[in-house]
């Protein structure tokens, strides 16, 4: 029974993270503005402090390393005419991938942090 509840809660937190919403209430926004990456320190609706101990940074580093590994694999599987032309393709794609997934990765980090240490 407890594994079903954990699966349900995990699915709920994942959905809220993908919508960039508070993991507790699902209503409050995590970011003020996406393009400038300015975030709230706590939920405007329920008051949950999003990252009180700065633990989401570790997840951000790991997820960036994962994306870098994917880009290295893409680079190895590509067979460009020259290394320079391969880099001209992979580097802009990697930078776009890092920047475009940054808010979602931060929201996932906050949701995982909440799952591990739920606030009252």
N, C-alpha and C. Protein backbone atom coordinates (compact mmCIF):
# COMPACT_ATOMS: atom_id res chain seq x y z
N UNK A 1 0.81 -1.20 0.00
CA UNK A 1 0.00 0.00 0.00
C UNK A 1 0.85 1.26 0.00
N UNK A 2 1.94 1.23 0.75
CA UNK A 2 2.78 2.41 0.85
C UNK A 2 3.50 2.70 -0.48
N UNK A 3 3.83 1.66 -1.22
CA UNK A 3 4.50 1.87 -2.51
C UNK A 3 3.54 2.52 -3.51
N UNK A 4 2.27 2.19 -3.44
CA UNK A 4 1.28 2.83 -4.32
C UNK A 4 1.16 4.32 -3.99
N UNK A 5 1.15 4.63 -2.71
CA UNK A 5 1.04 6.02 -2.29
C UNK A 5 2.28 6.79 -2.72
N UNK A 6 3.47 6.18 -2.58
CA UNK A 6 4.70 6.83 -3.01
C UNK A 6 4.70 7.07 -4.52
N UNK A 7 4.20 6.09 -5.28
CA UNK A 7 4.11 6.25 -6.73
C UNK A 7 3.14 7.37 -7.10
N UNK A 8 2.01 7.44 -6.41
CA UNK A 8 1.02 8.48 -6.69
C UNK A 8 1.58 9.86 -6.36
N UNK A 9 2.24 9.97 -5.21
CA UNK A 9 2.82 11.25 -4.81
C UNK A 9 3.95 11.65 -5.76
N UNK A 10 4.78 10.68 -6.16
CA UNK A 10 5.87 10.97 -7.09
C UNK A 10 5.34 11.46 -8.43
N UNK A 11 4.29 10.83 -8.91
CA UNK A 11 3.68 11.25 -10.17
C UNK A 11 3.09 12.66 -10.06
N UNK A 12 2.47 12.93 -8.91
CA UNK A 12 1.89 14.25 -8.67
C UNK A 12 2.99 15.32 -8.62
N UNK A 13 4.09 15.02 -7.92
CA UNK A 13 5.19 15.98 -7.82
C UNK A 13 5.87 16.20 -9.17
N UNK A 14 6.00 15.15 -9.96
CA UNK A 14 6.58 15.28 -11.30
C UNK A 14 5.71 16.18 -12.17
N UNK A 15 4.41 16.00 -12.11
CA UNK A 15 3.50 16.85 -12.89
C UNK A 15 3.59 18.30 -12.47
N UNK A 16 3.66 18.53 -11.17
CA UNK A 16 3.78 19.91 -10.69
C UNK A 16 5.12 20.52 -11.09
N UNK A 17 6.18 19.73 -11.04
CA UNK A 17 7.50 20.24 -11.44
C UNK A 17 7.52 20.59 -12.92
N UNK A 18 6.91 19.76 -13.75
CA UNK A 18 6.89 20.04 -15.19
C UNK A 18 6.06 21.27 -15.51
N UNK A 19 5.07 21.59 -14.64
CA UNK A 19 4.29 22.80 -14.82
C UNK A 19 4.92 23.99 -14.11
N UNK A 20 6.09 23.75 -13.47
CA UNK A 20 6.85 24.79 -12.75
C UNK A 20 6.02 25.38 -11.61
N UNK A 21 5.36 24.50 -10.87
CA UNK A 21 4.50 24.90 -9.76
C UNK A 21 5.04 24.34 -8.45
N UNK A 22 4.52 24.87 -7.37
CA UNK A 22 4.91 24.48 -6.01
C UNK A 22 4.65 22.98 -5.81
N UNK A 23 5.62 22.25 -5.22
CA UNK A 23 5.39 20.82 -4.99
C UNK A 23 4.33 20.53 -3.93
N UNK A 24 4.11 21.46 -3.00
CA UNK A 24 3.13 21.20 -1.93
C UNK A 24 1.70 21.47 -2.40
N UNK A 25 1.44 22.68 -2.88
CA UNK A 25 0.05 23.04 -3.22
C UNK A 25 -0.26 22.90 -4.71
N UNK A 26 0.75 22.94 -5.56
CA UNK A 26 0.53 22.82 -6.99
C UNK A 26 0.00 24.08 -7.65
N UNK A 27 -0.14 25.14 -6.89
CA UNK A 27 -0.71 26.39 -7.42
C UNK A 27 0.34 27.49 -7.58
N UNK A 28 1.16 27.69 -6.57
CA UNK A 28 2.13 28.78 -6.61
C UNK A 28 3.22 28.57 -7.64
N UNK A 29 3.63 29.64 -8.28
CA UNK A 29 4.70 29.56 -9.28
C UNK A 29 6.05 29.46 -8.59
N UNK A 30 7.00 28.80 -9.26
CA UNK A 30 8.36 28.74 -8.75
C UNK A 30 9.16 29.93 -9.26
N UNK A 31 8.90 30.34 -10.49
CA UNK A 31 9.66 31.42 -11.11
C UNK A 31 8.80 32.66 -11.32
N UNK A 32 9.41 33.81 -11.08
CA UNK A 32 8.74 35.08 -11.40
C UNK A 32 8.74 35.27 -12.91
N UNK A 33 9.93 35.10 -13.49
CA UNK A 33 10.10 35.23 -14.94
C UNK A 33 11.03 34.12 -15.40
N UNK A 34 10.64 33.44 -16.47
CA UNK A 34 11.45 32.34 -16.96
C UNK A 34 12.70 32.82 -17.69
N UNK A 35 12.55 33.85 -18.50
CA UNK A 35 13.68 34.28 -19.32
C UNK A 35 14.83 34.83 -18.50
N UNK A 36 14.52 35.47 -17.39
CA UNK A 36 15.59 36.00 -16.53
C UNK A 36 15.94 35.03 -15.42
N UNK A 37 15.21 33.93 -15.32
CA UNK A 37 15.45 32.88 -14.33
C UNK A 37 15.36 33.42 -12.91
N UNK A 38 14.50 34.40 -12.69
CA UNK A 38 14.31 34.91 -11.34
C UNK A 38 13.23 34.07 -10.67
N UNK A 39 13.56 33.57 -9.49
CA UNK A 39 12.66 32.64 -8.82
C UNK A 39 12.21 33.19 -7.47
N UNK A 40 11.10 32.68 -7.02
CA UNK A 40 10.62 33.00 -5.69
C UNK A 40 11.41 32.16 -4.68
N UNK A 41 11.63 32.69 -3.49
CA UNK A 41 12.28 31.89 -2.44
C UNK A 41 11.27 31.00 -1.74
N UNK A 42 10.00 31.40 -1.80
CA UNK A 42 8.95 30.57 -1.22
C UNK A 42 7.69 30.69 -2.07
N UNK A 43 6.80 29.77 -1.88
CA UNK A 43 5.56 29.74 -2.67
C UNK A 43 4.70 30.95 -2.32
N UNK A 44 4.25 31.71 -3.33
CA UNK A 44 3.39 32.86 -3.06
C UNK A 44 2.01 32.46 -2.51
N UNK A 45 1.64 31.21 -2.69
CA UNK A 45 0.30 30.77 -2.24
C UNK A 45 0.33 30.10 -0.86
N UNK A 46 1.23 29.10 -0.66
CA UNK A 46 1.21 28.35 0.61
C UNK A 46 2.40 28.65 1.51
N UNK A 47 3.39 29.38 1.01
CA UNK A 47 4.52 29.78 1.84
C UNK A 47 5.63 28.76 1.97
N UNK A 48 5.59 27.65 1.23
CA UNK A 48 6.66 26.65 1.30
C UNK A 48 7.97 27.26 0.82
N UNK A 49 9.03 27.15 1.61
CA UNK A 49 10.35 27.61 1.18
C UNK A 49 10.89 26.58 0.20
N UNK A 50 11.20 27.04 -1.00
CA UNK A 50 11.56 26.10 -2.07
C UNK A 50 12.90 25.41 -1.85
N UNK A 51 13.90 26.15 -1.51
CA UNK A 51 15.23 25.56 -1.41
C UNK A 51 15.94 26.13 -0.18
N UNK A 52 15.47 25.77 1.02
CA UNK A 52 15.99 26.42 2.22
C UNK A 52 17.46 26.12 2.50
N UNK A 53 17.94 24.96 2.11
CA UNK A 53 19.33 24.60 2.39
C UNK A 53 20.21 24.58 1.16
N UNK A 54 19.70 25.02 0.03
CA UNK A 54 20.51 25.06 -1.19
C UNK A 54 20.82 23.70 -1.76
N UNK A 55 19.98 22.71 -1.49
CA UNK A 55 20.25 21.34 -1.93
C UNK A 55 19.98 21.10 -3.40
N UNK A 56 19.26 22.00 -4.05
CA UNK A 56 18.96 21.77 -5.46
C UNK A 56 20.18 21.96 -6.35
N UNK A 57 21.21 22.61 -5.85
CA UNK A 57 22.42 22.80 -6.66
C UNK A 57 23.06 21.48 -7.03
N UNK A 58 23.07 20.51 -6.12
CA UNK A 58 23.66 19.21 -6.42
C UNK A 58 22.93 18.54 -7.58
N UNK A 59 21.59 18.60 -7.56
CA UNK A 59 20.81 18.02 -8.65
C UNK A 59 21.11 18.75 -9.96
N UNK A 60 21.26 20.06 -9.88
CA UNK A 60 21.55 20.84 -11.09
C UNK A 60 22.89 20.41 -11.69
N UNK A 61 23.90 20.22 -10.85
CA UNK A 61 25.20 19.78 -11.34
C UNK A 61 25.11 18.39 -11.98
N UNK A 62 24.41 17.47 -11.31
CA UNK A 62 24.29 16.11 -11.84
C UNK A 62 23.51 16.10 -13.15
N UNK A 63 22.43 16.86 -13.21
CA UNK A 63 21.64 16.87 -14.45
C UNK A 63 22.41 17.53 -15.58
N UNK A 64 23.21 18.54 -15.28
CA UNK A 64 24.04 19.16 -16.32
C UNK A 64 25.10 18.17 -16.79
N UNK A 65 25.67 17.41 -15.87
CA UNK A 65 26.65 16.39 -16.26
C UNK A 65 26.01 15.32 -17.13
N UNK A 66 24.76 14.96 -16.82
CA UNK A 66 24.04 13.99 -17.63
C UNK A 66 23.82 14.52 -19.05
N UNK A 67 23.38 15.76 -19.15
CA UNK A 67 23.18 16.35 -20.47
C UNK A 67 24.49 16.46 -21.24
N UNK A 68 25.57 16.77 -20.53
CA UNK A 68 26.89 16.83 -21.18
C UNK A 68 27.29 15.46 -21.70
N UNK A 69 27.01 14.43 -20.91
CA UNK A 69 27.30 13.07 -21.37
C UNK A 69 26.51 12.71 -22.61
N UNK A 70 25.24 13.12 -22.66
CA UNK A 70 24.44 12.88 -23.86
C UNK A 70 25.05 13.57 -25.08
N UNK A 71 25.49 14.80 -24.87
CA UNK A 71 26.07 15.54 -25.99
C UNK A 71 27.41 14.92 -26.45
N UNK A 72 28.17 14.37 -25.53
CA UNK A 72 29.42 13.67 -25.90
C UNK A 72 29.08 12.44 -26.73
N UNK A 73 28.04 11.72 -26.33
CA UNK A 73 27.63 10.54 -27.11
C UNK A 73 27.18 10.96 -28.50
N UNK A 74 26.42 12.03 -28.59
CA UNK A 74 25.99 12.53 -29.91
C UNK A 74 27.21 12.90 -30.75
N UNK A 75 28.17 13.54 -30.12
CA UNK A 75 29.39 13.94 -30.85
C UNK A 75 30.15 12.72 -31.35
N UNK A 76 30.19 11.66 -30.53
CA UNK A 76 30.90 10.44 -30.94
C UNK A 76 30.16 9.69 -32.04
N UNK A 77 28.84 9.77 -32.04
CA UNK A 77 28.06 9.07 -33.05
C UNK A 77 27.97 9.83 -34.37
N UNK A 78 28.22 11.12 -34.30
CA UNK A 78 28.22 11.92 -35.54
C UNK A 78 29.51 11.64 -36.31
N UNK A 79 29.41 11.68 -37.58
CA UNK A 79 30.60 11.53 -38.41
C UNK A 79 30.71 12.74 -39.34
N UNK A 80 31.07 13.89 -38.76
CA UNK A 80 31.14 15.10 -39.59
C UNK A 80 32.38 15.05 -40.49
N UNK A 81 32.37 15.92 -41.49
CA UNK A 81 33.51 15.99 -42.39
C UNK A 81 34.76 16.46 -41.65
N UNK A 82 34.57 17.35 -40.69
CA UNK A 82 35.70 17.78 -39.87
C UNK A 82 35.23 17.97 -38.43
N UNK A 83 36.17 17.95 -37.53
CA UNK A 83 35.83 18.13 -36.11
C UNK A 83 35.20 19.51 -35.90
N UNK A 84 35.73 20.50 -36.57
CA UNK A 84 35.22 21.87 -36.40
C UNK A 84 33.75 21.97 -36.81
N UNK A 85 33.38 21.33 -37.90
CA UNK A 85 31.97 21.39 -38.33
C UNK A 85 31.08 20.62 -37.36
N UNK A 86 31.59 19.55 -36.80
CA UNK A 86 30.83 18.80 -35.80
C UNK A 86 30.61 19.64 -34.55
N UNK A 87 31.65 20.34 -34.13
CA UNK A 87 31.52 21.20 -32.96
C UNK A 87 30.57 22.35 -33.23
N UNK A 88 30.56 22.85 -34.45
CA UNK A 88 29.66 23.97 -34.77
C UNK A 88 28.20 23.54 -34.71
N UNK A 89 27.95 22.26 -34.81
CA UNK A 89 26.58 21.75 -34.70
C UNK A 89 26.25 21.40 -33.25
N UNK A 90 27.15 20.68 -32.59
CA UNK A 90 26.86 20.15 -31.26
C UNK A 90 26.86 21.23 -30.18
N UNK A 91 27.79 22.16 -30.23
CA UNK A 91 27.91 23.17 -29.16
C UNK A 91 26.67 24.06 -29.08
N UNK A 92 26.16 24.61 -30.19
CA UNK A 92 24.92 25.41 -30.06
C UNK A 92 23.73 24.58 -29.58
N UNK A 93 23.64 23.33 -30.02
CA UNK A 93 22.55 22.47 -29.56
C UNK A 93 22.68 22.22 -28.06
N UNK A 94 23.90 21.96 -27.59
CA UNK A 94 24.12 21.72 -26.16
C UNK A 94 23.77 22.96 -25.34
N UNK A 95 24.20 24.12 -25.78
CA UNK A 95 23.89 25.35 -25.05
C UNK A 95 22.39 25.61 -25.01
N UNK A 96 21.72 25.39 -26.13
CA UNK A 96 20.27 25.58 -26.17
C UNK A 96 19.57 24.58 -25.25
N UNK A 97 20.07 23.36 -25.21
CA UNK A 97 19.50 22.33 -24.34
C UNK A 97 19.69 22.70 -22.87
N UNK A 98 20.87 23.17 -22.51
CA UNK A 98 21.13 23.57 -21.12
C UNK A 98 20.21 24.70 -20.70
N UNK A 99 20.12 25.72 -21.52
CA UNK A 99 19.35 26.91 -21.16
C UNK A 99 17.85 26.61 -21.16
N UNK A 100 17.38 25.86 -22.14
CA UNK A 100 15.93 25.62 -22.23
C UNK A 100 15.42 24.68 -21.15
N UNK A 101 16.26 23.79 -20.64
CA UNK A 101 15.81 22.86 -19.61
C UNK A 101 16.13 23.34 -18.20
N UNK A 102 16.79 24.46 -18.05
CA UNK A 102 17.18 24.95 -16.73
C UNK A 102 16.01 25.13 -15.77
N UNK A 103 14.92 25.80 -16.16
CA UNK A 103 13.80 25.94 -15.22
C UNK A 103 13.17 24.61 -14.82
N UNK A 104 13.04 23.70 -15.77
CA UNK A 104 12.44 22.41 -15.47
C UNK A 104 13.34 21.60 -14.55
N UNK A 105 14.64 21.65 -14.79
CA UNK A 105 15.57 20.94 -13.91
C UNK A 105 15.55 21.51 -12.50
N UNK A 106 15.46 22.82 -12.37
CA UNK A 106 15.37 23.44 -11.05
C UNK A 106 14.07 23.05 -10.36
N UNK A 107 12.96 23.03 -11.09
CA UNK A 107 11.68 22.63 -10.51
C UNK A 107 11.70 21.16 -10.10
N UNK A 108 12.33 20.31 -10.89
CA UNK A 108 12.48 18.90 -10.52
C UNK A 108 13.31 18.76 -9.26
N UNK A 109 14.37 19.55 -9.14
CA UNK A 109 15.21 19.51 -7.95
C UNK A 109 14.42 19.91 -6.71
N UNK A 110 13.59 20.94 -6.84
CA UNK A 110 12.76 21.38 -5.71
C UNK A 110 11.74 20.30 -5.35
N UNK A 111 11.15 19.66 -6.35
CA UNK A 111 10.17 18.60 -6.10
C UNK A 111 10.83 17.39 -5.43
N UNK A 112 12.01 17.00 -5.88
CA UNK A 112 12.72 15.88 -5.26
C UNK A 112 13.12 16.22 -3.83
N UNK A 113 13.53 17.46 -3.61
CA UNK A 113 13.87 17.89 -2.27
C UNK A 113 12.65 17.83 -1.36
N UNK A 114 11.50 18.24 -1.87
CA UNK A 114 10.26 18.17 -1.10
C UNK A 114 9.85 16.72 -0.83
N UNK A 115 10.06 15.85 -1.79
CA UNK A 115 9.72 14.43 -1.61
C UNK A 115 10.58 13.81 -0.51
N UNK A 116 11.84 14.18 -0.45
CA UNK A 116 12.74 13.63 0.56
C UNK A 116 12.57 14.27 1.93
N UNK A 117 12.23 15.55 1.97
CA UNK A 117 12.06 16.28 3.23
C UNK A 117 10.77 17.09 3.18
N UNK A 118 9.61 16.44 3.24
CA UNK A 118 8.37 17.23 3.16
C UNK A 118 8.24 18.18 4.34
N UNK A 119 7.93 19.41 4.01
CA UNK A 119 7.71 20.42 5.05
C UNK A 119 6.30 20.27 5.60
N UNK A 120 6.10 20.61 6.86
CA UNK A 120 4.76 20.47 7.44
C UNK A 120 3.77 21.44 6.83
